[in-house]
Amino acid sequence: MPDKKILVVEDEASIADIVRSYLVREGFSVSIAPDGTSALRMLKERFDLIILDLMLPDMDGEEICRTAREVTDAPIIMLTAKSTEDDRVTGLGLGADDYVVKPFSPRELVARIKAHLRRSDARAGSDRLSFNSSDLVINASSMEVFRQGALVPMTTTEFRLFLGLAEKPNMVFSRLQLVNIVQGYDFEGFERVVDAHIKNIRQKLGDNPRQPAYIQTVYGSGYKFIGTPDEAQG
């Protein structure tokens, strides 16, 4: 994957050096931000993926993730010693795409990075889905969602999750199936992570879970997409 730029936000020099050496070996261009202030300044540049430590000397990584999501839809992988399920749910709920706990395998981290970058590059066609008389339009190639003509900002993971549901209307997906859609592997079955993403998507769409137009909870099973596809799909 030549010419891919990765920002590593990490205050421990030894960890940053390990991550950089593995990524440079794979042909990536790597920039290191040793603290939150540097990270926020560097976010003015374009990066294809961000690796983010949550415990930084000058500010919380959660704050950086929140700010990053205002300026980029690049995949964000949180790399942290915070290991509880609540920590994962909070981090992913802020818009991160993945969560890796320290100590970690550098080879596995590289594999996850490549998987996220492949998915970011995968939408190269002109796929367009529309529902409910164009009330909802999904452009797979540009990874954009429009509701009533207005752009609905979504993270990479939210978009993949929503697209996975929308591509198969009325099919019930378990939470584990949805985890595998967005991550590509068994993400330890953290069902609340999926619930957090679904909550974010619903809020952004303005989709009332009590009277949903698009995402319906199937109690005891998971979720399904209930929008009505328009006849002409391109």
Protein backbone atom coordinates (compact mmCIF):
# COMPACT_ATOMS: atom_id res chain seq x y z
CA MET A 1 0.00 0.00 0.00
CA PRO A 2 2.37 2.70 -1.19
CA ASP A 3 1.91 6.39 -0.38
CA LYS A 4 -0.37 5.75 2.60
CA LYS A 5 0.22 8.25 5.40
CA ILE A 6 -0.28 7.17 9.00
CA LEU A 7 -0.27 9.37 12.09
CA VAL A 8 0.83 7.69 15.32
CA VAL A 9 -0.19 9.61 18.45
CA GLU A 10 1.89 8.02 21.22
CA ASP A 11 3.88 9.54 24.09
CA GLU A 12 5.96 6.44 24.88
CA ALA A 13 8.93 6.74 22.53
CA SER A 14 9.75 3.02 22.64
CA ILE A 15 6.23 2.06 21.53
CA ALA A 16 6.14 4.78 18.87
CA ASP A 17 9.49 3.58 17.50
CA ILE A 18 8.31 -0.05 17.33
CA VAL A 19 5.10 0.89 15.53
CA ARG A 20 6.96 3.16 13.13
CA SER A 21 9.60 0.54 12.30
CA TYR A 22 6.98 -2.09 11.48
CA LEU A 23 4.97 0.33 9.35
CA VAL A 24 7.96 1.76 7.49
CA ARG A 25 9.01 -1.81 6.72
CA GLU A 26 5.62 -2.24 5.03
CA GLY A 27 6.12 0.89 2.93
CA PHE A 28 3.95 3.34 4.89
CA SER A 29 4.81 6.97 5.52
CA VAL A 30 4.66 7.53 9.30
CA SER A 31 4.42 10.69 11.37
CA ILE A 32 4.70 10.65 15.18
CA ALA A 33 2.87 13.00 17.54
CA PRO A 34 4.22 12.63 21.11
CA ASP A 35 1.38 14.52 22.75
CA GLY A 36 -2.13 15.82 22.16
CA THR A 37 -1.06 19.33 21.23
CA SER A 38 1.17 18.03 18.45
CA ALA A 39 -1.56 15.67 17.28
CA LEU A 40 -4.13 18.45 16.95
CA ARG A 41 -1.66 20.55 14.99
CA MET A 42 -0.77 17.67 12.68
CA LEU A 43 -4.42 16.83 12.01
CA LYS A 44 -4.42 19.81 9.64
CA GLU A 45 -2.58 17.47 7.25
CA ARG A 46 -4.28 14.58 5.46
CA PHE A 47 -3.67 11.11 6.87
CA ASP A 48 -5.05 7.81 5.63
CA LEU A 49 -5.20 6.30 9.12
CA ILE A 50 -4.60 7.40 12.72
CA ILE A 51 -3.25 5.30 15.60
CA LEU A 52 -4.22 6.97 18.86
CA ASP A 53 -3.06 6.40 22.42
CA LEU A 54 -5.71 7.42 24.94
CA MET A 55 -3.43 8.33 27.86
CA LEU A 56 -1.34 11.30 26.79
CA PRO A 57 0.58 13.76 29.00
CA ASP A 58 -1.37 16.89 28.13
CA MET A 59 -4.91 15.76 27.22
CA ASP A 60 -7.14 12.73 26.92
CA GLY A 61 -7.03 10.77 23.69
CA GLU A 62 -10.82 10.78 23.70
CA GLU A 63 -10.72 14.55 23.16
CA ILE A 64 -8.36 14.12 20.22
CA CYS A 65 -10.60 11.43 18.72
CA ARG A 66 -13.61 13.71 19.01
CA THR A 67 -11.74 16.56 17.34
CA ALA A 68 -10.32 14.30 14.63
CA ARG A 69 -13.79 13.13 13.70
CA GLU A 70 -14.73 16.74 12.95
CA VAL A 71 -12.04 17.03 10.28
CA THR A 72 -11.40 13.54 8.88
CA ASP A 73 -13.15 10.24 8.19
CA ALA A 74 -9.84 8.32 8.14
CA PRO A 75 -9.92 5.11 10.18
CA ILE A 76 -8.86 5.61 13.81
CA ILE A 77 -7.33 2.74 15.78
CA MET A 78 -7.11 3.33 19.52
CA LEU A 79 -3.96 1.82 21.02
CA THR A 80 -4.20 1.91 24.78
CA ALA A 81 -3.76 0.21 28.15
CA LYS A 82 -7.42 0.93 28.95
CA SER A 83 -8.85 -2.53 28.64
CA THR A 84 -12.34 -2.69 30.14
CA GLU A 85 -15.44 -3.20 28.03
CA ASP A 86 -16.68 0.25 29.09
CA ASP A 87 -13.45 1.78 27.81
CA ARG A 88 -13.89 0.06 24.45
CA VAL A 89 -17.51 1.09 24.14
CA THR A 90 -16.68 4.70 25.01
CA GLY A 91 -13.79 4.86 22.56
CA LEU A 92 -15.67 3.31 19.69
CA GLY A 93 -18.69 5.43 20.50
CA LEU A 94 -16.56 8.53 19.94
CA GLY A 95 -15.94 7.42 16.37
CA ALA A 96 -12.92 5.15 16.53
CA ASP A 97 -12.90 2.21 14.13
CA ASP A 98 -10.88 -0.27 16.16
CA TYR A 99 -9.45 -0.76 19.65
CA VAL A 100 -6.14 -2.48 20.39
CA VAL A 101 -5.09 -3.10 24.00
CA LYS A 102 -1.51 -2.86 25.23
CA PRO A 103 0.58 -4.98 25.37
CA PHE A 104 -0.06 -5.75 21.72
CA SER A 105 1.39 -7.69 18.82
CA PRO A 106 2.95 -5.30 16.27
CA ARG A 107 2.24 -7.83 13.51
CA GLU A 108 -1.43 -7.99 14.44
CA LEU A 109 -1.60 -4.19 14.56
CA VAL A 110 -0.14 -4.01 11.05
CA ALA A 111 -2.67 -6.59 9.86
CA ARG A 112 -5.52 -4.54 11.29
CA ILE A 113 -4.15 -1.38 9.70
CA LYS A 114 -3.98 -3.04 6.30
CA ALA A 115 -7.52 -4.39 6.68
CA HIS A 116 -8.91 -0.94 7.48
CA LEU A 117 -7.03 0.66 4.60
CA ARG A 118 -8.25 -2.01 2.18
CA ARG A 119 -11.83 -1.36 3.19
CA SER A 120 -11.34 2.38 2.82
CA ASP A 121 -10.09 1.80 -0.73
CA ALA A 122 -12.64 -0.86 -1.62
CA ARG A 123 -15.43 1.44 -2.72
CA ALA A 124 -14.13 2.32 -6.18
CA GLY A 125 -17.29 1.71 -8.21
CA SER A 126 -20.39 3.82 -8.68
CA ASP A 127 -22.74 1.95 -6.34
CA ARG A 128 -25.75 3.97 -5.31
CA LEU A 129 -28.62 2.81 -3.13
CA SER A 130 -31.77 4.81 -2.50
CA PHE A 131 -34.73 4.15 -0.27
CA ASN A 132 -38.19 5.51 0.54
CA SER A 133 -38.48 7.61 -2.64
CA SER A 134 -34.94 8.96 -2.29
CA ASP A 135 -35.47 10.00 1.33
CA LEU A 136 -32.24 8.10 1.98
CA VAL A 137 -29.39 7.80 -0.52
CA ILE A 138 -26.19 5.85 0.04
CA ASN A 139 -23.24 6.38 -2.32
CA ALA A 140 -20.93 3.44 -1.73
CA SER A 141 -18.14 4.76 -3.96
CA SER A 142 -17.79 8.05 -2.11
CA MET A 143 -18.86 6.61 1.27
CA GLU A 144 -21.55 9.26 1.65
CA VAL A 145 -25.05 9.07 3.11
CA PHE A 146 -27.78 11.63 2.43
CA ARG A 147 -31.07 11.97 4.33
CA GLN A 148 -33.64 14.27 2.75
CA GLY A 149 -30.85 15.71 0.60
CA ALA A 150 -28.58 16.58 3.53
CA LEU A 151 -25.23 14.91 4.01
CA VAL A 152 -25.13 12.67 7.09
CA PRO A 153 -21.55 12.56 8.42
CA MET A 154 -20.49 9.05 9.38
CA THR A 155 -17.23 7.49 10.45
CA THR A 156 -15.74 4.74 8.32
CA THR A 157 -17.00 2.07 10.69
CA GLU A 158 -20.48 3.58 10.94
CA PHE A 159 -20.70 3.74 7.16
CA ARG A 160 -19.60 0.12 6.70
CA LEU A 161 -22.05 -1.03 9.34
CA PHE A 162 -24.94 0.94 7.84
CA LEU A 163 -24.11 -0.13 4.29
CA GLY A 164 -23.91 -3.76 5.37
CA LEU A 165 -27.43 -3.52 6.77
CA ALA A 166 -28.83 -1.53 3.83
CA GLU A 167 -27.46 -3.92 1.22
CA LYS A 168 -29.76 -6.64 2.60
CA PRO A 169 -33.08 -5.07 3.63
CA ASN A 170 -35.16 -7.04 6.13
CA MET A 171 -32.35 -9.47 6.86
CA VAL A 172 -31.75 -9.82 10.59
CA PHE A 173 -28.08 -9.51 11.57
CA SER A 174 -26.80 -10.63 14.94
CA ARG A 175 -24.40 -8.30 16.71
CA LEU A 176 -21.54 -10.69 16.07
CA GLN A 177 -22.35 -10.73 12.35
CA LEU A 178 -22.28 -6.94 12.33
CA VAL A 179 -18.97 -6.91 14.19
CA ASN A 180 -17.54 -9.16 11.50
CA ILE A 181 -18.91 -6.91 8.74
CA VAL A 182 -17.00 -3.89 9.99
CA GLN A 183 -13.92 -5.51 11.51
CA GLY A 184 -13.43 -8.55 9.30
CA TYR A 185 -12.73 -10.80 12.26
CA ASP A 186 -14.24 -11.79 15.61
CA PHE A 187 -13.86 -8.68 17.75
CA GLU A 188 -14.27 -10.67 20.98
CA GLY A 189 -18.04 -10.44 20.81
CA PHE A 190 -18.40 -7.01 22.38
CA GLU A 191 -22.09 -6.55 21.65
CA ARG A 192 -22.28 -3.16 23.34
CA VAL A 193 -19.79 -1.84 20.79
CA VAL A 194 -22.30 -2.56 18.02
CA ASP A 195 -25.09 -1.01 20.07
CA ALA A 196 -23.00 2.16 20.50
CA HIS A 197 -22.44 2.43 16.73
CA ILE A 198 -26.13 1.82 15.98
CA LYS A 199 -27.08 4.52 18.49
CA ASN A 200 -24.71 6.97 16.77
CA ILE A 201 -26.07 6.12 13.32
CA ARG A 202 -29.66 6.54 14.45
CA GLN A 203 -28.92 9.91 16.01
CA LYS A 204 -27.20 11.14 12.86
CA LEU A 205 -30.06 9.93 10.65
CA GLY A 206 -32.74 11.26 12.97
CA ASP A 207 -34.17 7.73 13.06
CA ASN A 208 -36.39 7.27 16.12
CA PRO A 209 -35.75 3.75 17.50
CA ARG A 210 -39.35 3.60 18.78
CA GLN A 211 -40.74 4.31 15.31
CA PRO A 212 -37.81 3.56 13.02
CA ALA A 213 -37.76 4.29 9.33
CA TYR A 214 -34.51 2.46 8.69
CA ILE A 215 -32.90 0.50 11.53
CA GLN A 216 -35.13 -1.77 13.57
CA THR A 217 -34.08 -3.61 16.70
CA VAL A 218 -35.03 -7.27 16.66
CA TYR A 219 -35.08 -8.07 20.35
CA GLY A 220 -33.05 -11.10 21.27
CA SER A 221 -31.53 -11.29 17.80
CA GLY A 222 -29.94 -8.05 16.57
CA TYR A 223 -30.87 -5.45 13.96
CA LYS A 224 -32.33 -5.20 10.48
CA PHE A 225 -32.69 -2.50 7.84
CA ILE A 226 -36.35 -1.79 6.98
CA GLY A 227 -36.11 0.96 4.37
CA THR A 228 -37.97 0.30 1.11
CA PRO A 229 -35.57 0.18 -1.86
CA ASP A 230 -36.45 2.42 -4.78
CA GLU A 231 -37.03 0.55 -8.01
CA ALA A 232 -34.14 2.10 -9.92
CA GLN A 233 -30.86 1.36 -8.21
CA GLY A 234 -27.61 2.34 -9.90
